[in-house]
Amino acid sequence: MQRILITGGAGKVAALLRARLARPGRALRLLDVRTAAPVEHAGQEEEEVVVASVDDLEAMTLACKDVDAVVHLGGLAKEDTVENVLRVNAYGTFCVLEGARLAGVRRVVLASSNHAVGFEEVAGRTEVPADIPGRPDTMYGWSKVAGEAAGRLYADRFGMHVLCLRIGLWVAVPPGLRGLAMWLSPDDGARLVEACLSAPDPGFRLVWGISRNTRRWCSLAEGEAIGYFPQDDAERFLDDLVARHGAPDFAHDPALRRVGGPWCEIPLGQRCVT
């Protein structure tokens, strides 16, 4: 039986992923601060629930027992105070990596973010490589750069396989024009995670978490190198998005000029409640 630990197992992204990862011979262990609600097609016999926080090293180590790989989705998903960001996202990622190491788990998939490189300019350039240095747009983005660096440390020092996914917009439907470039469909998100779980001896990797979008800014080459071949394209939503938001102006619209979009302008270190 293959056992996969998913942190943030009660969250929105995990809800998109769980049914797509579930299969005979595989158990999903879901860790979150609250109990995960059932999802369609994911039988409870295939899922185990652990109620704990990612910033509890002892709990993380116990949760990693008898696990084949960890998919770390847990943590704050929006801008917050520096204290919260450091505790939950940065220290929480350390606890995931250290708990995995102590439990003998060799493979960890870290959910990083496009906001780790949010200030990277995209106007007038070709595809942005997945392995460019961190250029965060927020304290949240900074915490993701820290998580990536911790992953590199654990790969170099302990020989663990750590794959960091610089995720765009992992949702069923892109909410705005930026999604034409940065959308990650639920099905492609599952394909990406499966590639991370099955790639032979990947070591440390930085990979963009986006679909095969016609208007994408970011490179798919690093994902293809580990067997990720996305199939979906946000262009299918173009007419609806234009009807709601107008035609995209990638050359001049400040929200479409940089990888992080409007996050480059939001108040720094202030909790986002929307």
C-alpha atoms as a PDB file:
ATOM      1  CA  MET A   1       0.000   0.000   0.000  1.00  0.00           C
ATOM      2  CA  GLN A   2       1.391   3.381  -1.006  1.00  0.00           C
ATOM      3  CA  ARG A   3       0.639   6.082   1.570  1.00  0.00           C
ATOM      4  CA  ILE A   4       0.725   9.793   0.692  1.00  0.00           C
ATOM      5  CA  LEU A   5       0.540  12.478   3.380  1.00  0.00           C
ATOM      6  CA  ILE A   6      -1.218  15.644   2.248  1.00  0.00           C
ATOM      7  CA  THR A   7      -0.881  18.632   4.548  1.00  0.00           C
ATOM      8  CA  GLY A   8      -3.639  21.190   4.269  1.00  0.00           C
ATOM      9  CA  GLY A   9      -5.818  18.165   3.585  1.00  0.00           C
ATOM     10  CA  ALA A  10      -9.041  20.014   4.427  1.00  0.00           C
ATOM     11  CA  GLY A  11      -8.263  22.931   2.104  1.00  0.00           C
ATOM     12  CA  LYS A  12      -9.621  23.968  -1.286  1.00  0.00           C
ATOM     13  CA  VAL A  13      -6.664  22.716  -3.315  1.00  0.00           C
ATOM     14  CA  ALA A  14      -6.655  19.380  -1.504  1.00  0.00           C
ATOM     15  CA  ALA A  15     -10.365  19.040  -2.279  1.00  0.00           C
ATOM     16  CA  LEU A  16      -9.509  19.340  -5.980  1.00  0.00           C
ATOM     17  CA  LEU A  17      -6.658  16.867  -5.663  1.00  0.00           C
ATOM     18  CA  ARG A  18      -7.881  14.088  -3.386  1.00  0.00           C
ATOM     19  CA  ALA A  19     -10.357  12.380  -5.696  1.00  0.00           C
ATOM     20  CA  ARG A  20      -7.861  12.614  -8.559  1.00  0.00           C
ATOM     21  CA  LEU A  21      -5.091  10.950  -6.547  1.00  0.00           C
ATOM     22  CA  ALA A  22      -7.272   8.249  -5.009  1.00  0.00           C
ATOM     23  CA  ARG A  23      -6.805   4.765  -6.473  1.00  0.00           C
ATOM     24  CA  PRO A  24      -6.603   1.133  -5.382  1.00  0.00           C
ATOM     25  CA  GLY A  25      -3.418   0.413  -3.472  1.00  0.00           C
ATOM     26  CA  ARG A  26      -2.984   4.017  -2.338  1.00  0.00           C
ATOM     27  CA  ALA A  27      -4.016   5.606   0.961  1.00  0.00           C
ATOM     28  CA  LEU A  28      -4.205   9.363   1.461  1.00  0.00           C
ATOM     29  CA  ARG A  29      -3.394  10.664   4.933  1.00  0.00           C
ATOM     30  CA  LEU A  30      -4.882  14.139   5.373  1.00  0.00           C
ATOM     31  CA  LEU A  31      -3.382  16.516   7.925  1.00  0.00           C
ATOM     32  CA  ASP A  32      -5.037  19.805   8.793  1.00  0.00           C
ATOM     33  CA  VAL A  33      -6.150  21.838  11.792  1.00  0.00           C
ATOM     34  CA  ARG A  34      -9.716  20.702  11.076  1.00  0.00           C
ATOM     35  CA  THR A  35     -11.226  17.479   9.800  1.00  0.00           C
ATOM     36  CA  ALA A  36     -11.418  17.232   6.033  1.00  0.00           C
ATOM     37  CA  ALA A  37     -14.911  16.977   4.587  1.00  0.00           C
ATOM     38  CA  PRO A  38     -15.581  14.004   2.295  1.00  0.00           C
ATOM     39  CA  VAL A  39     -15.104  14.592  -1.412  1.00  0.00           C
ATOM     40  CA  GLU A  40     -16.891  12.836  -4.248  1.00  0.00           C
ATOM     41  CA  HIS A  41     -15.294   9.541  -5.334  1.00  0.00           C
ATOM     42  CA  ALA A  42     -12.839   9.547  -2.434  1.00  0.00           C
ATOM     43  CA  GLY A  43     -13.934   6.686  -0.193  1.00  0.00           C
ATOM     44  CA  GLN A  44     -13.206   7.004   3.485  1.00  0.00           C
ATOM     45  CA  GLU A  45     -11.457   3.630   3.425  1.00  0.00           C
ATOM     46  CA  GLU A  46      -8.833   5.290   1.227  1.00  0.00           C
ATOM     47  CA  GLU A  47      -8.297   8.266   3.539  1.00  0.00           C
ATOM     48  CA  GLU A  48      -6.842   8.751   7.001  1.00  0.00           C
ATOM     49  CA  VAL A  49      -7.320  11.969   8.973  1.00  0.00           C
ATOM     50  CA  VAL A  50      -4.808  13.649  11.272  1.00  0.00           C
ATOM     51  CA  VAL A  51      -5.879  16.830  13.078  1.00  0.00           C
ATOM     52  CA  ALA A  52      -2.701  18.814  13.720  1.00  0.00           C
ATOM     53  CA  SER A  53      -0.850  21.935  12.632  1.00  0.00           C
ATOM     54  CA  VAL A  54       2.125  21.967  10.295  1.00  0.00           C
ATOM     55  CA  ASP A  55       4.110  24.045  12.795  1.00  0.00           C
ATOM     56  CA  ASP A  56       4.030  21.196  15.362  1.00  0.00           C
ATOM     57  CA  LEU A  57       7.209  19.225  14.693  1.00  0.00           C
ATOM     58  CA  GLU A  58       6.269  16.285  16.912  1.00  0.00           C
ATOM     59  CA  ALA A  59       2.872  15.955  15.243  1.00  0.00           C
ATOM     60  CA  MET A  60       4.413  16.235  11.794  1.00  0.00           C
ATOM     61  CA  THR A  61       6.962  13.527  12.567  1.00  0.00           C
ATOM     62  CA  LEU A  62       4.217  11.195  13.769  1.00  0.00           C
ATOM     63  CA  ALA A  63       2.090  11.982  10.728  1.00  0.00           C
ATOM     64  CA  CYS A  64       4.992  11.060   8.445  1.00  0.00           C
ATOM     65  CA  LYS A  65       5.328   7.560   9.926  1.00  0.00           C
ATOM     66  CA  ASP A  66       4.950   4.828   7.281  1.00  0.00           C
ATOM     67  CA  VAL A  67       4.478   7.423   4.545  1.00  0.00           C
ATOM     68  CA  ASP A  68       5.990   7.111   1.068  1.00  0.00           C
ATOM     69  CA  ALA A  69       5.821  10.806   0.176  1.00  0.00           C
ATOM     70  CA  VAL A  70       4.525  14.124   1.487  1.00  0.00           C
ATOM     71  CA  VAL A  71       2.554  16.671  -0.531  1.00  0.00           C
ATOM     72  CA  HIS A  72       2.764  19.880   1.467  1.00  0.00           C
ATOM     73  CA  LEU A  73      -0.215  22.124   0.703  1.00  0.00           C
ATOM     74  CA  GLY A  74      -0.768  23.400   4.246  1.00  0.00           C
ATOM     75  CA  GLY A  75      -0.182  26.930   5.487  1.00  0.00           C
ATOM     76  CA  LEU A  76      -1.406  30.465   4.945  1.00  0.00           C
ATOM     77  CA  ALA A  77      -2.618  31.058   1.402  1.00  0.00           C
ATOM     78  CA  LYS A  78      -2.759  34.871   1.523  1.00  0.00           C
ATOM     79  CA  GLU A  79      -0.780  37.813   2.806  1.00  0.00           C
ATOM     80  CA  ASP A  80      -0.622  38.039   6.596  1.00  0.00           C
ATOM     81  CA  THR A  81       1.478  39.505   9.375  1.00  0.00           C
ATOM     82  CA  VAL A  82       5.147  38.668   9.337  1.00  0.00           C
ATOM     83  CA  GLU A  83       4.772  36.760  12.615  1.00  0.00           C
ATOM     84  CA  ASN A  84       2.059  34.504  11.193  1.00  0.00           C
ATOM     85  CA  VAL A  85       3.815  34.038   7.871  1.00  0.00           C
ATOM     86  CA  LEU A  86       7.067  33.048   9.552  1.00  0.00           C
ATOM     87  CA  ARG A  87       5.394  30.680  12.018  1.00  0.00           C
ATOM     88  CA  VAL A  88       2.975  28.877   9.714  1.00  0.00           C
ATOM     89  CA  ASN A  89       4.618  29.023   6.306  1.00  0.00           C
ATOM     90  CA  ALA A  90       8.358  29.230   6.925  1.00  0.00           C
ATOM     91  CA  TYR A  91       8.657  27.300  10.198  1.00  0.00           C
ATOM     92  CA  GLY A  92       5.791  25.040   9.140  1.00  0.00           C
ATOM     93  CA  THR A  93       7.707  24.042   6.007  1.00  0.00           C
ATOM     94  CA  PHE A  94      10.759  23.312   8.128  1.00  0.00           C
ATOM     95  CA  CYS A  95       8.614  21.063  10.335  1.00  0.00           C
ATOM     96  CA  VAL A  96       7.328  19.210   7.278  1.00  0.00           C
ATOM     97  CA  LEU A  97      10.834  18.629   5.937  1.00  0.00           C
ATOM     98  CA  GLU A  98      12.327  17.728   9.300  1.00  0.00           C
ATOM     99  CA  GLY A  99       9.390  15.512  10.220  1.00  0.00           C
ATOM    100  CA  ALA A 100       9.757  13.702   6.912  1.00  0.00           C
ATOM    101  CA  ARG A 101      13.485  13.278   7.445  1.00  0.00           C
ATOM    102  CA  LEU A 102      13.070  11.951  10.981  1.00  0.00           C
ATOM    103  CA  ALA A 103      10.427   9.485   9.768  1.00  0.00           C
ATOM    104  CA  GLY A 104      12.575   8.315   6.866  1.00  0.00           C
ATOM    105  CA  VAL A 105      10.434   9.825   4.094  1.00  0.00           C
ATOM    106  CA  ARG A 106      12.605  10.560   1.085  1.00  0.00           C
ATOM    107  CA  ARG A 107      10.262  12.565  -1.155  1.00  0.00           C
ATOM    108  CA  VAL A 108       8.486  15.852  -0.405  1.00  0.00           C
ATOM    109  CA  VAL A 109       6.449  17.958  -2.816  1.00  0.00           C
ATOM    110  CA  LEU A 110       6.263  21.577  -1.616  1.00  0.00           C
ATOM    111  CA  ALA A 111       3.522  23.922  -2.780  1.00  0.00           C
ATOM    112  CA  SER A 112       5.414  27.107  -3.467  1.00  0.00           C
ATOM    113  CA  SER A 113       3.813  29.968  -5.375  1.00  0.00           C
ATOM    114  CA  ASN A 114       4.131  32.347  -8.287  1.00  0.00           C
ATOM    115  CA  HIS A 115       4.376  35.003  -5.574  1.00  0.00           C
ATOM    116  CA  ALA A 116       7.862  33.733  -4.757  1.00  0.00           C
ATOM    117  CA  VAL A 117       8.872  35.561  -7.951  1.00  0.00           C
ATOM    118  CA  GLY A 118       5.973  38.002  -8.102  1.00  0.00           C
ATOM    119  CA  PHE A 119       8.054  41.033  -9.112  1.00  0.00           C
ATOM    120  CA  GLU A 120       9.453  39.283 -12.179  1.00  0.00           C
ATOM    121  CA  GLU A 121       8.509  41.282 -15.259  1.00  0.00           C
ATOM    122  CA  VAL A 122       6.722  39.380 -18.014  1.00  0.00           C
ATOM    123  CA  ALA A 123       5.818  42.131 -20.474  1.00  0.00           C
ATOM    124  CA  GLY A 124       7.751  41.842 -23.724  1.00  0.00           C
ATOM    125  CA  ARG A 125       9.671  38.677 -22.843  1.00  0.00           C
ATOM    126  CA  THR A 126       9.496  34.995 -23.668  1.00  0.00           C
ATOM    127  CA  GLU A 127       8.756  32.282 -21.125  1.00  0.00           C
ATOM    128  CA  VAL A 128       9.997  32.770 -17.549  1.00  0.00           C
ATOM    129  CA  PRO A 129      12.127  29.784 -16.431  1.00  0.00           C
ATOM    130  CA  ALA A 130      10.992  27.895 -13.345  1.00  0.00           C
ATOM    131  CA  ASP A 131      14.364  28.161 -11.605  1.00  0.00           C
ATOM    132  CA  ILE A 132      14.842  31.942 -11.557  1.00  0.00           C
ATOM    133  CA  PRO A 133      15.928  33.344  -8.162  1.00  0.00           C
ATOM    134  CA  GLY A 134      13.291  34.412  -5.690  1.00  0.00           C
ATOM    135  CA  ARG A 135      11.775  37.853  -6.187  1.00  0.00           C
ATOM    136  CA  PRO A 136       8.831  37.875  -3.777  1.00  0.00           C
ATOM    137  CA  ASP A 137       5.987  40.365  -3.935  1.00  0.00           C
ATOM    138  CA  THR A 138       4.729  39.990  -0.335  1.00  0.00           C
ATOM    139  CA  MET A 139       5.621  38.515   3.034  1.00  0.00           C
ATOM    140  CA  TYR A 140       3.664  35.492   1.833  1.00  0.00           C
ATOM    141  CA  GLY A 141       5.897  35.293  -1.235  1.00  0.00           C
ATOM    142  CA  TRP A 142       8.953  35.700   0.958  1.00  0.00           C
ATOM    143  CA  SER A 143       7.850  32.721   3.038  1.00  0.00           C
ATOM    144  CA  LYS A 144       7.607  30.651  -0.142  1.00  0.00           C
ATOM    145  CA  VAL A 145      11.170  31.597  -1.106  1.00  0.00           C
ATOM    146  CA  ALA A 146      12.231  30.507   2.380  1.00  0.00           C
ATOM    147  CA  GLY A 147      10.421  27.206   1.918  1.00  0.00           C
ATOM    148  CA  GLU A 148      12.167  26.614  -1.401  1.00  0.00           C
ATOM    149  CA  ALA A 149      15.532  27.348   0.208  1.00  0.00           C
ATOM    150  CA  ALA A 150      14.771  24.902   3.018  1.00  0.00           C
ATOM    151  CA  GLY A 151      13.899  22.284   0.410  1.00  0.00           C
ATOM    152  CA  ARG A 152      17.238  22.865  -1.298  1.00  0.00           C
ATOM    153  CA  LEU A 153      18.999  22.483   2.045  1.00  0.00           C
ATOM    154  CA  TYR A 154      17.317  19.148   2.783  1.00  0.00           C
ATOM    155  CA  ALA A 155      18.039  17.883  -0.719  1.00  0.00           C
ATOM    156  CA  ASP A 156      21.722  18.842  -0.500  1.00  0.00           C
ATOM    157  CA  ARG A 157      22.379  17.831   3.089  1.00  0.00           C
ATOM    158  CA  PHE A 158      20.240  14.701   3.398  1.00  0.00           C
ATOM    159  CA  GLY A 159      19.812  13.542  -0.185  1.00  0.00           C
ATOM    160  CA  MET A 160      16.035  13.957  -0.066  1.00  0.00           C
ATOM    161  CA  HIS A 161      13.975  14.506  -3.200  1.00  0.00           C
ATOM    162  CA  VAL A 162      12.255  17.883  -2.869  1.00  0.00           C
ATOM    163  CA  LEU A 163      10.137  19.281  -5.676  1.00  0.00           C
ATOM    164  CA  CYS A 164       8.895  22.866  -5.299  1.00  0.00           C
ATOM    165  CA  LEU A 165       5.860  23.847  -7.361  1.00  0.00           C
ATOM    166  CA  ARG A 166       5.583  27.532  -8.190  1.00  0.00           C
ATOM    167  CA  ILE A 167       1.813  27.355  -8.509  1.00  0.00           C
ATOM    168  CA  GLY A 168      -0.163  29.849 -10.550  1.00  0.00           C
ATOM    169  CA  LEU A 169      -3.944  29.781 -10.038  1.00  0.00           C
ATOM    170  CA  TRP A 170      -4.987  26.241  -9.079  1.00  0.00           C
ATOM    171  CA  VAL A 171      -8.756  26.556  -9.400  1.00  0.00           C
ATOM    172  CA  ALA A 172     -11.576  25.073 -11.452  1.00  0.00           C
ATOM    173  CA  VAL A 173     -12.218  28.337 -13.334  1.00  0.00           C
ATOM    174  CA  PRO A 174      -9.771  31.266 -13.611  1.00  0.00           C
ATOM    175  CA  PRO A 175     -11.240  34.245 -11.744  1.00  0.00           C
ATOM    176  CA  GLY A 176      -9.746  36.997 -13.901  1.00  0.00           C
ATOM    177  CA  LEU A 177      -7.663  37.853 -16.963  1.00  0.00           C
ATOM    178  CA  ARG A 178      -4.406  36.902 -15.233  1.00  0.00           C
ATOM    179  CA  GLY A 179      -5.703  33.342 -15.245  1.00  0.00           C
ATOM    180  CA  LEU A 180      -5.276  33.215 -19.027  1.00  0.00           C
ATOM    181  CA  ALA A 181      -1.555  32.953 -18.324  1.00  0.00           C
ATOM    182  CA  MET A 182      -1.351  31.438 -14.835  1.00  0.00           C
ATOM    183  CA  TRP A 183      -4.238  28.936 -14.603  1.00  0.00           C
ATOM    184  CA  LEU A 184      -3.565  25.415 -13.325  1.00  0.00           C
ATOM    185  CA  SER A 185      -6.571  23.202 -13.980  1.00  0.00           C
ATOM    186  CA  PRO A 186      -7.593  20.619 -11.366  1.00  0.00           C
ATOM    187  CA  ASP A 187      -6.754  17.776 -13.755  1.00  0.00           C
ATOM    188  CA  ASP A 188      -3.361  19.237 -14.634  1.00  0.00           C
ATOM    189  CA  GLY A 189      -2.693  19.850 -10.938  1.00  0.00           C
ATOM    190  CA  ALA A 190      -3.167  16.127 -10.343  1.00  0.00           C
ATOM    191  CA  ARG A 191      -0.950  15.317 -13.339  1.00  0.00           C
ATOM    192  CA  LEU A 192       1.747  17.558 -11.888  1.00  0.00           C
ATOM    193  CA  VAL A 193       1.616  15.935  -8.455  1.00  0.00           C
ATOM    194  CA  GLU A 194       1.650  12.457  -9.987  1.00  0.00           C
ATOM    195  CA  ALA A 195       4.735  13.394 -12.000  1.00  0.00           C
ATOM    196  CA  CYS A 196       6.425  14.625  -8.822  1.00  0.00           C
ATOM    197  CA  LEU A 197       5.566  11.390  -7.019  1.00  0.00           C
ATOM    198  CA  SER A 198       6.817   9.114  -9.797  1.00  0.00           C
ATOM    199  CA  ALA A 199       9.836  10.918 -11.297  1.00  0.00           C
ATOM    200  CA  PRO A 200      12.939   8.740 -10.748  1.00  0.00           C
ATOM    201  CA  ASP A 201      15.533  10.350  -8.466  1.00  0.00           C
ATOM    202  CA  PRO A 202      14.559  13.972  -9.155  1.00  0.00           C
ATOM    203  CA  GLY A 203      16.694  15.534  -6.410  1.00  0.00           C
ATOM    204  CA  PHE A 204      15.782  19.203  -5.977  1.00  0.00           C
ATOM    205  CA  ARG A 205      13.507  20.788  -8.575  1.00  0.00           C
ATOM    206  CA  LEU A 206      11.679  24.039  -9.176  1.00  0.00           C
ATOM    207  CA  VAL A 207       8.699  23.588 -11.492  1.00  0.00           C
ATOM    208  CA  TRP A 208       5.953  25.920 -12.643  1.00  0.00           C
ATOM    209  CA  GLY A 209       2.462  24.806 -11.640  1.00  0.00           C
ATOM    210  CA  ILE A 210       0.507  25.976 -14.681  1.00  0.00           C
ATOM    211  CA  SER A 211      -1.494  24.419 -17.479  1.00  0.00           C
ATOM    212  CA  ARG A 212      -0.649  24.479 -21.189  1.00  0.00           C
ATOM    213  CA  ASN A 213      -2.154  27.939 -21.544  1.00  0.00           C
ATOM    214  CA  THR A 214      -1.874  29.641 -24.924  1.00  0.00           C
ATOM    215  CA  ARG A 215      -1.012  32.955 -23.220  1.00  0.00           C
ATOM    216  CA  ARG A 216       1.253  31.510 -20.536  1.00  0.00           C
ATOM    217  CA  TRP A 217       4.219  33.507 -19.300  1.00  0.00           C
ATOM    218  CA  CYS A 218       6.042  30.617 -17.694  1.00  0.00           C
ATOM    219  CA  SER A 219       8.103  27.712 -18.976  1.00  0.00           C
ATOM    220  CA  LEU A 220       6.809  24.146 -19.089  1.00  0.00           C
ATOM    221  CA  ALA A 221      10.242  22.683 -19.847  1.00  0.00           C
ATOM    222  CA  GLU A 222      11.157  22.003 -16.211  1.00  0.00           C
ATOM    223  CA  GLY A 223       7.890  20.175 -15.655  1.00  0.00           C
ATOM    224  CA  GLU A 224       8.266  18.149 -18.829  1.00  0.00           C
ATOM    225  CA  ALA A 225      11.707  17.073 -17.601  1.00  0.00           C
ATOM    226  CA  ILE A 226      10.028  15.182 -14.735  1.00  0.00           C
ATOM    227  CA  GLY A 227       7.146  13.850 -16.823  1.00  0.00           C
ATOM    228  CA  TYR A 228       4.558  16.608 -16.424  1.00  0.00           C
ATOM    229  CA  PHE A 229       2.698  17.192 -19.669  1.00  0.00           C
ATOM    230  CA  PRO A 230      -0.328  19.440 -19.030  1.00  0.00           C
ATOM    231  CA  GLN A 231      -3.309  19.128 -21.331  1.00  0.00           C
ATOM    232  CA  ASP A 232      -5.639  21.999 -20.436  1.00  0.00           C
ATOM    233  CA  ASP A 233      -5.704  25.585 -21.717  1.00  0.00           C
ATOM    234  CA  ALA A 234      -7.320  28.624 -20.086  1.00  0.00           C
ATOM    235  CA  GLU A 235      -8.160  29.936 -23.554  1.00  0.00           C
ATOM    236  CA  ARG A 236     -11.466  28.094 -23.288  1.00  0.00           C
ATOM    237  CA  PHE A 237     -12.533  30.775 -20.772  1.00  0.00           C
ATOM    238  CA  LEU A 238     -11.463  33.735 -22.951  1.00  0.00           C
ATOM    239  CA  ASP A 239     -14.893  34.881 -24.122  1.00  0.00           C
ATOM    240  CA  ASP A 240     -16.380  34.793 -20.637  1.00  0.00           C
ATOM    241  CA  LEU A 241     -13.392  36.560 -19.079  1.00  0.00           C
ATOM    242  CA  VAL A 242     -13.388  39.290 -21.726  1.00  0.00           C
ATOM    243  CA  ALA A 243     -17.126  39.769 -21.258  1.00  0.00           C
ATOM    244  CA  ARG A 244     -16.605  40.301 -17.535  1.00  0.00           C
ATOM    245  CA  HIS A 245     -13.268  42.139 -17.470  1.00  0.00           C
ATOM    246  CA  GLY A 246     -12.625  43.544 -20.951  1.00  0.00           C
ATOM    247  CA  ALA A 247      -9.878  42.592 -23.376  1.00  0.00           C
ATOM    248  CA  PRO A 248      -6.519  41.785 -21.730  1.00  0.00           C
ATOM    249  CA  ASP A 249      -3.737  44.346 -22.191  1.00  0.00           C
ATOM    250  CA  PHE A 250      -0.638  42.414 -21.219  1.00  0.00           C
ATOM    251  CA  ALA A 251       1.673  45.246 -22.296  1.00  0.00           C
ATOM    252  CA  HIS A 252       0.218  48.034 -20.164  1.00  0.00           C
ATOM    253  CA  ASP A 253      -2.088  46.684 -17.447  1.00  0.00           C
ATOM    254  CA  PRO A 254      -0.059  46.729 -14.177  1.00  0.00           C
ATOM    255  CA  ALA A 255      -1.878  43.601 -12.980  1.00  0.00           C
ATOM    256  CA  LEU A 256      -0.726  41.721 -16.094  1.00  0.00           C
ATOM    257  CA  ARG A 257       2.800  43.117 -16.298  1.00  0.00           C
ATOM    258  CA  ARG A 258       4.418  41.056 -13.535  1.00  0.00           C
ATOM    259  CA  VAL A 259       4.135  37.434 -12.445  1.00  0.00           C
ATOM    260  CA  GLY A 260       2.508  38.353  -9.118  1.00  0.00           C
ATOM    261  CA  GLY A 261      -0.020  40.690 -10.688  1.00  0.00           C
ATOM    262  CA  PRO A 262      -1.891  42.931  -8.212  1.00  0.00           C
ATOM    263  CA  TRP A 263      -0.117  41.328  -5.247  1.00  0.00           C
ATOM    264  CA  CYS A 264       2.821  43.608  -6.027  1.00  0.00           C
ATOM    265  CA  GLU A 265       0.703  46.541  -4.825  1.00  0.00           C
ATOM    266  CA  ILE A 266      -1.231  45.179  -1.826  1.00  0.00           C
ATOM    267  CA  PRO A 267      -0.303  46.366   1.704  1.00  0.00           C
ATOM    268  CA  LEU A 268       2.765  44.500   2.915  1.00  0.00           C
ATOM    269  CA  GLY A 269       2.459  42.373   6.026  1.00  0.00           C
ATOM    270  CA  GLN A 270      -1.235  43.067   6.563  1.00  0.00           C
ATOM    271  CA  ARG A 271      -3.665  40.207   6.938  1.00  0.00           C
ATOM    272  CA  CYS A 272      -5.767  39.741   3.805  1.00  0.00           C
ATOM    273  CA  VAL A 273      -9.376  38.890   4.696  1.00  0.00           C
ATOM    274  CA  THR A 274     -10.858  38.682   1.163  1.00  0.00           C
END
